[in-house]
Amino acid sequence: MHEAHHAAKKDAPSGTALKLKRAMEEAGYHRPIDVAASRAGFIPGTHTIGFDGPSESITLIHTARDRGGFARGALTAAKWIKGRRGWFTMEDVLGLTT
């Protein structure tokens, strides 16, 4: 797994990369998962996961083109949290908790 973000980002690897790794492990992927991180320029965020076999490879890439999606998520969370008390995550906001 490789992730790239802007040069000013403090954490490496990002929380998103670590969450992706944990999700793969919890889903039953038992091989070691190496995580590499790059910090350069003004990259909003790119996460790449690759699966390599003897005859082929599969690569999944998510690229944020700008910070608009993050801003929309923050606004959605701000509207959702109004009137609530406690400790919540975006999983709560999006109704993903089980």
N, C-alpha and C. Protein backbone atom coordinates (compact mmCIF):
# COMPACT_ATOMS: atom_id res chain seq x y z
N MET A 1 0.86 -1.16 0.00
CA MET A 1 0.00 0.00 0.00
C MET A 1 0.90 1.22 0.00
N HIS A 2 0.49 2.22 -0.76
CA HIS A 2 1.22 3.48 -0.79
C HIS A 2 0.22 4.62 -0.70
N GLU A 3 0.56 5.64 0.06
CA GLU A 3 -0.29 6.82 0.12
C GLU A 3 0.56 8.06 0.00
N ALA A 4 0.01 9.06 -0.66
CA ALA A 4 0.72 10.33 -0.88
C ALA A 4 -0.20 11.48 -0.47
N HIS A 5 0.39 12.44 0.22
CA HIS A 5 -0.33 13.63 0.66
C HIS A 5 0.58 14.84 0.54
N HIS A 6 0.02 16.00 0.77
CA HIS A 6 0.76 17.27 0.69
C HIS A 6 1.90 17.31 1.71
N ALA A 7 2.87 18.14 1.43
CA ALA A 7 4.09 18.21 2.24
C ALA A 7 3.84 18.63 3.69
N ALA A 8 2.77 19.35 3.97
CA ALA A 8 2.50 19.84 5.32
C ALA A 8 1.78 18.82 6.20
N LYS A 9 1.35 17.69 5.64
CA LYS A 9 0.63 16.68 6.44
C LYS A 9 1.57 16.10 7.48
N LYS A 10 1.12 16.06 8.72
CA LYS A 10 1.99 15.66 9.83
C LYS A 10 2.13 14.15 10.01
N ASP A 11 1.04 13.41 9.84
CA ASP A 11 1.11 11.96 10.11
C ASP A 11 1.50 11.19 8.85
N ALA A 12 2.30 10.18 9.05
CA ALA A 12 2.72 9.31 7.94
C ALA A 12 3.01 7.93 8.52
N PRO A 13 2.30 6.89 8.12
CA PRO A 13 1.20 6.91 7.16
C PRO A 13 -0.04 7.58 7.75
N SER A 14 -0.94 7.94 6.87
CA SER A 14 -2.17 8.62 7.28
C SER A 14 -3.10 7.66 8.01
N GLY A 15 -4.04 8.24 8.73
CA GLY A 15 -5.06 7.43 9.40
C GLY A 15 -5.87 6.62 8.41
N THR A 16 -6.12 7.17 7.24
CA THR A 16 -6.86 6.46 6.20
C THR A 16 -6.11 5.21 5.76
N ALA A 17 -4.80 5.35 5.53
CA ALA A 17 -3.99 4.20 5.12
C ALA A 17 -4.00 3.12 6.20
N LEU A 18 -3.85 3.53 7.45
CA LEU A 18 -3.86 2.55 8.54
C LEU A 18 -5.23 1.88 8.67
N LYS A 19 -6.30 2.65 8.44
CA LYS A 19 -7.65 2.07 8.50
C LYS A 19 -7.86 1.08 7.36
N LEU A 20 -7.38 1.40 6.16
CA LEU A 20 -7.47 0.47 5.04
C LEU A 20 -6.72 -0.83 5.34
N LYS A 21 -5.53 -0.71 5.91
CA LYS A 21 -4.75 -1.89 6.28
C LYS A 21 -5.51 -2.74 7.29
N ARG A 22 -6.05 -2.09 8.32
CA ARG A 22 -6.79 -2.81 9.35
C ARG A 22 -8.03 -3.49 8.76
N ALA A 23 -8.73 -2.82 7.85
CA ALA A 23 -9.92 -3.40 7.21
C ALA A 23 -9.55 -4.64 6.41
N MET A 24 -8.42 -4.59 5.70
CA MET A 24 -7.97 -5.75 4.93
C MET A 24 -7.66 -6.92 5.86
N GLU A 25 -6.98 -6.62 6.98
CA GLU A 25 -6.64 -7.68 7.94
C GLU A 25 -7.89 -8.28 8.56
N GLU A 26 -8.84 -7.43 8.93
CA GLU A 26 -10.09 -7.91 9.53
C GLU A 26 -10.94 -8.69 8.55
N ALA A 27 -10.77 -8.43 7.25
CA ALA A 27 -11.52 -9.14 6.21
C ALA A 27 -10.89 -10.48 5.86
N GLY A 28 -9.74 -10.78 6.48
CA GLY A 28 -9.13 -12.09 6.26
C GLY A 28 -7.88 -12.10 5.42
N TYR A 29 -7.36 -10.93 5.04
CA TYR A 29 -6.11 -10.88 4.27
C TYR A 29 -4.97 -11.06 5.25
N HIS A 30 -4.29 -12.21 5.19
CA HIS A 30 -3.32 -12.57 6.22
C HIS A 30 -1.86 -12.38 5.84
N ARG A 31 -1.58 -11.99 4.61
CA ARG A 31 -0.19 -11.71 4.24
C ARG A 31 0.24 -10.38 4.85
N PRO A 32 1.54 -10.20 5.04
CA PRO A 32 2.01 -8.90 5.55
C PRO A 32 1.64 -7.78 4.58
N ILE A 33 1.21 -6.64 5.13
CA ILE A 33 0.83 -5.49 4.33
C ILE A 33 1.81 -4.37 4.64
N ASP A 34 2.69 -4.08 3.70
CA ASP A 34 3.62 -2.97 3.86
C ASP A 34 2.90 -1.67 3.51
N VAL A 35 3.16 -0.63 4.28
CA VAL A 35 2.55 0.68 4.03
C VAL A 35 3.67 1.70 3.85
N ALA A 36 3.70 2.36 2.70
CA ALA A 36 4.67 3.42 2.43
C ALA A 36 3.94 4.74 2.30
N ALA A 37 4.60 5.82 2.69
CA ALA A 37 3.98 7.14 2.65
C ALA A 37 4.92 8.14 1.99
N SER A 38 4.34 9.02 1.16
CA SER A 38 5.09 10.12 0.55
C SER A 38 4.41 11.43 0.92
N ARG A 39 5.22 12.44 1.18
CA ARG A 39 4.72 13.79 1.45
C ARG A 39 5.43 14.74 0.49
N ALA A 40 4.65 15.39 -0.38
CA ALA A 40 5.27 16.27 -1.38
C ALA A 40 4.25 17.27 -1.90
N GLY A 41 4.69 18.45 -2.19
CA GLY A 41 3.87 19.45 -2.87
C GLY A 41 2.53 19.69 -2.23
N PHE A 42 1.47 19.69 -3.06
CA PHE A 42 0.13 20.04 -2.62
C PHE A 42 -0.87 18.92 -2.88
N ILE A 43 -0.45 17.67 -2.82
CA ILE A 43 -1.30 16.51 -3.11
C ILE A 43 -2.40 16.41 -2.05
N PRO A 44 -3.69 16.51 -2.42
CA PRO A 44 -4.76 16.36 -1.43
C PRO A 44 -4.78 14.95 -0.82
N GLY A 45 -4.55 13.92 -1.62
CA GLY A 45 -4.52 12.57 -1.08
C GLY A 45 -4.69 11.52 -2.16
N THR A 46 -3.78 10.56 -2.18
CA THR A 46 -3.86 9.42 -3.09
C THR A 46 -3.51 8.16 -2.30
N HIS A 47 -4.38 7.16 -2.38
CA HIS A 47 -4.14 5.88 -1.71
C HIS A 47 -4.14 4.78 -2.77
N THR A 48 -3.11 3.96 -2.78
CA THR A 48 -2.94 2.89 -3.76
C THR A 48 -2.75 1.57 -3.03
N ILE A 49 -3.52 0.58 -3.41
CA ILE A 49 -3.37 -0.77 -2.87
C ILE A 49 -3.10 -1.69 -4.05
N GLY A 50 -2.04 -2.47 -3.96
CA GLY A 50 -1.69 -3.38 -5.04
C GLY A 50 -1.64 -4.82 -4.56
N PHE A 51 -2.11 -5.71 -5.40
CA PHE A 51 -2.06 -7.14 -5.16
C PHE A 51 -1.24 -7.74 -6.30
N ASP A 52 -0.14 -8.40 -5.96
CA ASP A 52 0.78 -8.88 -6.97
C ASP A 52 0.84 -10.40 -6.96
N GLY A 53 0.65 -11.01 -8.12
CA GLY A 53 0.74 -12.46 -8.26
C GLY A 53 1.81 -12.81 -9.28
N PRO A 54 2.08 -14.09 -9.47
CA PRO A 54 3.14 -14.49 -10.39
C PRO A 54 2.86 -14.13 -11.85
N SER A 55 1.59 -14.05 -12.22
CA SER A 55 1.25 -13.79 -13.63
C SER A 55 0.49 -12.50 -13.87
N GLU A 56 0.09 -11.81 -12.80
CA GLU A 56 -0.69 -10.59 -12.97
C GLU A 56 -0.66 -9.77 -11.69
N SER A 57 -1.13 -8.56 -11.81
CA SER A 57 -1.28 -7.71 -10.63
C SER A 57 -2.57 -6.90 -10.75
N ILE A 58 -3.09 -6.52 -9.60
CA ILE A 58 -4.29 -5.69 -9.52
C ILE A 58 -3.93 -4.47 -8.68
N THR A 59 -4.29 -3.30 -9.18
CA THR A 59 -4.01 -2.07 -8.45
C THR A 59 -5.30 -1.26 -8.31
N LEU A 60 -5.61 -0.87 -7.08
CA LEU A 60 -6.76 -0.01 -6.78
C LEU A 60 -6.22 1.34 -6.32
N ILE A 61 -6.71 2.43 -6.93
CA ILE A 61 -6.23 3.76 -6.60
C ILE A 61 -7.41 4.68 -6.32
N HIS A 62 -7.34 5.41 -5.21
CA HIS A 62 -8.29 6.48 -4.94
C HIS A 62 -7.50 7.78 -4.91
N THR A 63 -7.92 8.76 -5.70
CA THR A 63 -7.24 10.05 -5.76
C THR A 63 -8.23 11.17 -5.47
N ALA A 64 -7.93 11.97 -4.46
CA ALA A 64 -8.72 13.17 -4.20
C ALA A 64 -8.17 14.27 -5.11
N ARG A 65 -9.03 14.86 -5.92
CA ARG A 65 -8.58 15.92 -6.85
C ARG A 65 -8.44 17.26 -6.15
N ASP A 66 -9.24 17.45 -5.10
CA ASP A 66 -9.16 18.68 -4.31
C ASP A 66 -9.71 18.35 -2.93
N ARG A 67 -9.86 19.34 -2.10
CA ARG A 67 -10.33 19.11 -0.74
C ARG A 67 -11.85 19.28 -0.60
N GLY A 68 -12.54 19.41 -1.73
CA GLY A 68 -13.99 19.60 -1.72
C GLY A 68 -14.74 18.48 -1.03
N GLY A 69 -14.34 17.24 -1.28
CA GLY A 69 -15.01 16.10 -0.64
C GLY A 69 -14.83 16.11 0.87
N PHE A 70 -13.66 16.52 1.33
CA PHE A 70 -13.40 16.60 2.77
C PHE A 70 -14.25 17.72 3.39
N ALA A 71 -14.36 18.85 2.67
CA ALA A 71 -15.18 19.96 3.16
C ALA A 71 -16.65 19.57 3.24
N ARG A 72 -17.15 18.88 2.20
CA ARG A 72 -18.56 18.43 2.22
C ARG A 72 -18.79 17.46 3.38
N GLY A 73 -17.83 16.60 3.65
CA GLY A 73 -17.95 15.67 4.78
C GLY A 73 -18.00 16.41 6.10
N ALA A 74 -17.18 17.44 6.25
CA ALA A 74 -17.18 18.23 7.49
C ALA A 74 -18.52 18.95 7.67
N LEU A 75 -19.08 19.50 6.59
CA LEU A 75 -20.38 20.17 6.68
C LEU A 75 -21.50 19.18 7.02
N THR A 76 -21.45 18.00 6.41
CA THR A 76 -22.44 16.97 6.72
C THR A 76 -22.37 16.59 8.20
N ALA A 77 -21.14 16.42 8.72
CA ALA A 77 -20.96 16.07 10.13
C ALA A 77 -21.45 17.19 11.04
N ALA A 78 -21.17 18.44 10.67
CA ALA A 78 -21.60 19.58 11.50
C ALA A 78 -23.12 19.64 11.59
N LYS A 79 -23.81 19.40 10.49
CA LYS A 79 -25.28 19.40 10.49
C LYS A 79 -25.81 18.23 11.32
N TRP A 80 -25.17 17.07 11.19
CA TRP A 80 -25.63 15.86 11.88
C TRP A 80 -25.45 15.99 13.39
N ILE A 81 -24.37 16.61 13.83
CA ILE A 81 -24.02 16.63 15.26
C ILE A 81 -24.90 17.59 16.07
N LYS A 82 -25.53 18.55 15.37
CA LYS A 82 -26.33 19.55 16.08
C LYS A 82 -27.38 18.89 16.96
N GLY A 83 -27.35 19.23 18.26
CA GLY A 83 -28.31 18.69 19.22
C GLY A 83 -27.89 17.37 19.85
N ARG A 84 -26.76 16.81 19.41
CA ARG A 84 -26.29 15.54 19.98
C ARG A 84 -25.17 15.80 20.98
N ARG A 85 -25.01 14.88 21.91
CA ARG A 85 -23.91 14.95 22.89
C ARG A 85 -23.20 13.61 22.88
N GLY A 86 -21.91 13.63 23.06
CA GLY A 86 -21.15 12.38 23.13
C GLY A 86 -19.98 12.39 22.16
N TRP A 87 -19.41 11.23 21.98
CA TRP A 87 -18.23 11.03 21.13
C TRP A 87 -18.68 10.27 19.90
N PHE A 88 -18.47 10.83 18.71
CA PHE A 88 -18.94 10.21 17.48
C PHE A 88 -17.82 10.16 16.45
N THR A 89 -18.00 9.31 15.45
CA THR A 89 -17.08 9.23 14.32
C THR A 89 -17.88 9.45 13.03
N MET A 90 -17.19 9.54 11.92
CA MET A 90 -17.89 9.67 10.64
C MET A 90 -18.73 8.43 10.35
N GLU A 91 -18.36 7.29 10.92
CA GLU A 91 -19.21 6.10 10.75
C GLU A 91 -20.59 6.32 11.34
N ASP A 92 -20.65 7.04 12.47
CA ASP A 92 -21.95 7.39 13.06
C ASP A 92 -22.71 8.34 12.14
N VAL A 93 -22.02 9.37 11.67
CA VAL A 93 -22.64 10.37 10.79
C VAL A 93 -23.23 9.71 9.55
N LEU A 94 -22.50 8.77 8.96
CA LEU A 94 -22.93 8.13 7.73
C LEU A 94 -23.82 6.91 7.94
N GLY A 95 -24.08 6.57 9.22
CA GLY A 95 -24.93 5.41 9.51
C GLY A 95 -24.27 4.08 9.22
N LEU A 96 -22.96 4.02 9.35
CA LEU A 96 -22.22 2.79 9.04
C LEU A 96 -21.93 1.92 10.25
N THR A 97 -22.32 2.33 11.45
CA THR A 97 -22.05 1.54 12.63
C THR A 97 -22.98 0.35 12.69
N THR A 98 -22.47 -0.72 13.27
CA THR A 98 -23.28 -1.94 13.39
C THR A 98 -23.73 -2.16 14.79
